[in-house]
């Protein structure tokens, strides 16, 4: 996937599946990545240095409304490398297993309804633990 893009992503609302949010993404000539998310008639727009950070900002807004996005970018065990952030604007990230070097890449906006999803803070904590267990690689 390359910008601009538009898609619907599945979400959990108060722990219940079956609804979607609409996501539109674009990258400016200056390299700023922006996401516009429409949820229940409300539109949220976030811009960041890459799409992973823009998704993280959107997730924080939605978490406050008890909405959890079910995509690879919200999985506990997924985190981008500095290289993937630069090369792919954060659209690709790695599956991180404790004590192992990450090699499996996933697209952050791909549907991942069959895997565990967590809050932004829990994902960040897992990434810190993984980095320490993998020897800072």
Protein backbone atom coordinates (compact mmCIF):
# COMPACT_ATOMS: atom_id res chain seq x y z
CA UNK A 1 0.00 0.00 0.00
CA UNK A 2 1.26 3.45 -0.76
CA UNK A 3 -0.28 6.82 0.03
CA UNK A 4 -2.85 8.10 -0.53
CA UNK A 5 -5.09 5.28 0.67
CA UNK A 6 -8.58 4.71 2.03
CA UNK A 7 -9.99 1.70 3.88
CA UNK A 8 -12.35 0.47 6.56
CA UNK A 9 -10.81 -1.17 9.63
CA UNK A 10 -12.62 -3.41 12.11
CA UNK A 11 -12.86 -2.25 15.71
CA UNK A 12 -14.06 -3.39 19.09
CA UNK A 13 -16.48 -1.02 20.81
CA UNK A 14 -16.64 -1.56 24.54
CA UNK A 15 -15.27 -5.05 23.85
CA UNK A 16 -17.86 -5.92 21.20
CA UNK A 17 -16.84 -6.68 17.58
CA UNK A 18 -18.65 -5.99 14.36
CA UNK A 19 -18.18 -2.32 13.56
CA UNK A 20 -15.69 -0.37 11.45
CA UNK A 21 -13.93 2.97 11.24
CA UNK A 22 -13.02 4.63 7.94
CA UNK A 23 -9.35 5.57 7.55
CA UNK A 24 -7.76 7.80 4.91
CA UNK A 25 -4.03 8.31 4.77
CA UNK A 26 -1.69 10.53 2.82
CA UNK A 27 1.93 11.63 2.86
CA UNK A 28 2.82 15.24 2.09
CA UNK A 29 5.74 16.21 -0.19
CA UNK A 30 7.55 17.24 3.01
CA UNK A 31 7.17 13.70 4.36
CA UNK A 32 4.45 14.33 6.95
CA UNK A 33 2.09 11.37 7.24
CA UNK A 34 -1.53 12.12 8.05
CA UNK A 35 -4.52 9.97 8.93
CA UNK A 36 -8.15 11.04 8.91
CA UNK A 37 -10.43 8.63 10.76
CA UNK A 38 -14.20 8.77 10.69
CA UNK A 39 -15.96 7.02 13.56
CA UNK A 40 -19.66 7.36 14.34
CA UNK A 41 -19.94 10.64 12.44
CA UNK A 42 -16.86 12.19 14.04
CA UNK A 43 -13.64 12.84 12.15
CA UNK A 44 -10.21 12.77 13.81
CA UNK A 45 -7.06 13.90 12.00
CA UNK A 46 -3.52 13.24 13.16
CA UNK A 47 -0.21 13.99 11.48
CA UNK A 48 3.15 12.53 12.43
CA UNK A 49 6.60 11.69 11.10
CA UNK A 50 5.30 8.29 9.94
CA UNK A 51 2.06 6.31 9.67
CA UNK A 52 2.79 4.16 12.71
CA UNK A 53 2.98 7.26 14.93
CA UNK A 54 -0.14 8.74 13.29
CA UNK A 55 -2.00 5.47 13.96
CA UNK A 56 -0.75 5.53 17.56
CA UNK A 57 -2.16 9.06 18.00
CA UNK A 58 -5.51 8.02 16.51
CA UNK A 59 -5.60 4.95 18.75
CA UNK A 60 -5.12 7.14 21.83
CA UNK A 61 -8.13 9.24 20.83
CA UNK A 62 -10.24 6.14 20.16
CA UNK A 63 -9.12 4.40 23.37
CA UNK A 64 -10.61 7.31 25.32
CA UNK A 65 -13.93 6.41 23.63
CA UNK A 66 -13.47 2.67 24.42
CA UNK A 67 -12.76 1.80 20.78
CA UNK A 68 -9.91 -0.53 19.85
CA UNK A 69 -8.65 -0.82 16.24
CA UNK A 70 -8.09 -4.40 15.07
CA UNK A 71 -5.13 -4.06 12.73
CA UNK A 72 -1.52 -5.22 12.86
CA UNK A 73 -0.42 -1.79 14.08
CA UNK A 74 -2.34 -2.29 17.33
CA UNK A 75 -1.02 -5.77 18.11
CA UNK A 76 1.03 -6.11 21.26
CA UNK A 77 3.90 -7.83 19.44
CA UNK A 78 4.22 -5.45 16.47
CA UNK A 79 6.64 -2.51 16.37
CA UNK A 80 8.46 -0.69 13.53
CA UNK A 81 12.21 -0.47 13.21
CA UNK A 82 13.91 2.87 12.58
CA UNK A 83 14.74 1.65 9.06
CA UNK A 84 11.12 0.67 8.27
CA UNK A 85 9.97 4.06 9.55
CA UNK A 86 12.35 5.82 7.13
CA UNK A 87 12.05 3.48 4.16
CA UNK A 88 8.30 2.73 4.27
CA UNK A 89 6.92 5.72 6.21
CA UNK A 90 6.06 3.34 9.06
CA UNK A 91 3.59 1.32 6.95
CA UNK A 92 5.54 -1.87 7.70
CA UNK A 93 6.49 -3.12 11.14
CA UNK A 94 7.96 -6.26 12.66
CA UNK A 95 6.47 -9.06 14.74
CA UNK A 96 8.62 -9.07 17.88
CA UNK A 97 9.06 -12.27 19.90
CA UNK A 98 10.91 -12.12 23.24
CA UNK A 99 14.60 -12.95 22.96
CA UNK A 100 14.51 -13.12 19.15
CA UNK A 101 15.62 -10.82 16.39
CA UNK A 102 12.53 -9.65 14.47
CA UNK A 103 12.36 -10.80 10.84
CA UNK A 104 8.64 -11.11 10.02
CA UNK A 105 7.25 -7.90 8.50
CA UNK A 106 3.55 -7.02 8.47
CA UNK A 107 1.59 -4.12 7.02
CA UNK A 108 0.29 -2.07 9.95
CA UNK A 109 -3.17 -1.47 8.46
CA UNK A 110 -3.86 -5.11 7.55
CA UNK A 111 -6.82 -6.65 9.38
CA UNK A 112 -5.66 -8.65 12.39
CA UNK A 113 -8.92 -9.58 14.11
CA UNK A 114 -7.57 -13.01 15.09
CA UNK A 115 -4.65 -11.73 17.20
CA UNK A 116 -4.42 -10.05 20.59
CA UNK A 117 -4.63 -6.26 20.61
CA UNK A 118 -3.69 -3.97 23.44
CA UNK A 119 -3.66 -0.34 24.47
CA UNK A 120 -0.96 1.98 23.17
CA UNK A 121 0.76 2.03 26.57
CA UNK A 122 0.80 -1.80 26.78
CA UNK A 123 2.21 -2.03 23.24
CA UNK A 124 4.95 0.47 24.10
CA UNK A 125 5.82 -1.48 27.27
CA UNK A 126 6.03 -4.73 25.30
CA UNK A 127 8.30 -3.06 22.72
CA UNK A 128 10.65 -1.86 25.47
CA UNK A 129 10.76 -5.36 27.02
CA UNK A 130 11.33 -6.97 23.62
CA UNK A 131 14.15 -4.59 22.77
CA UNK A 132 15.85 -5.38 26.10
CA UNK A 133 15.37 -9.16 25.61
CA UNK A 134 16.71 -9.05 22.05
CA UNK A 135 19.87 -7.31 23.23
CA UNK A 136 18.98 -3.92 21.79
CA UNK A 137 19.30 -5.12 18.21
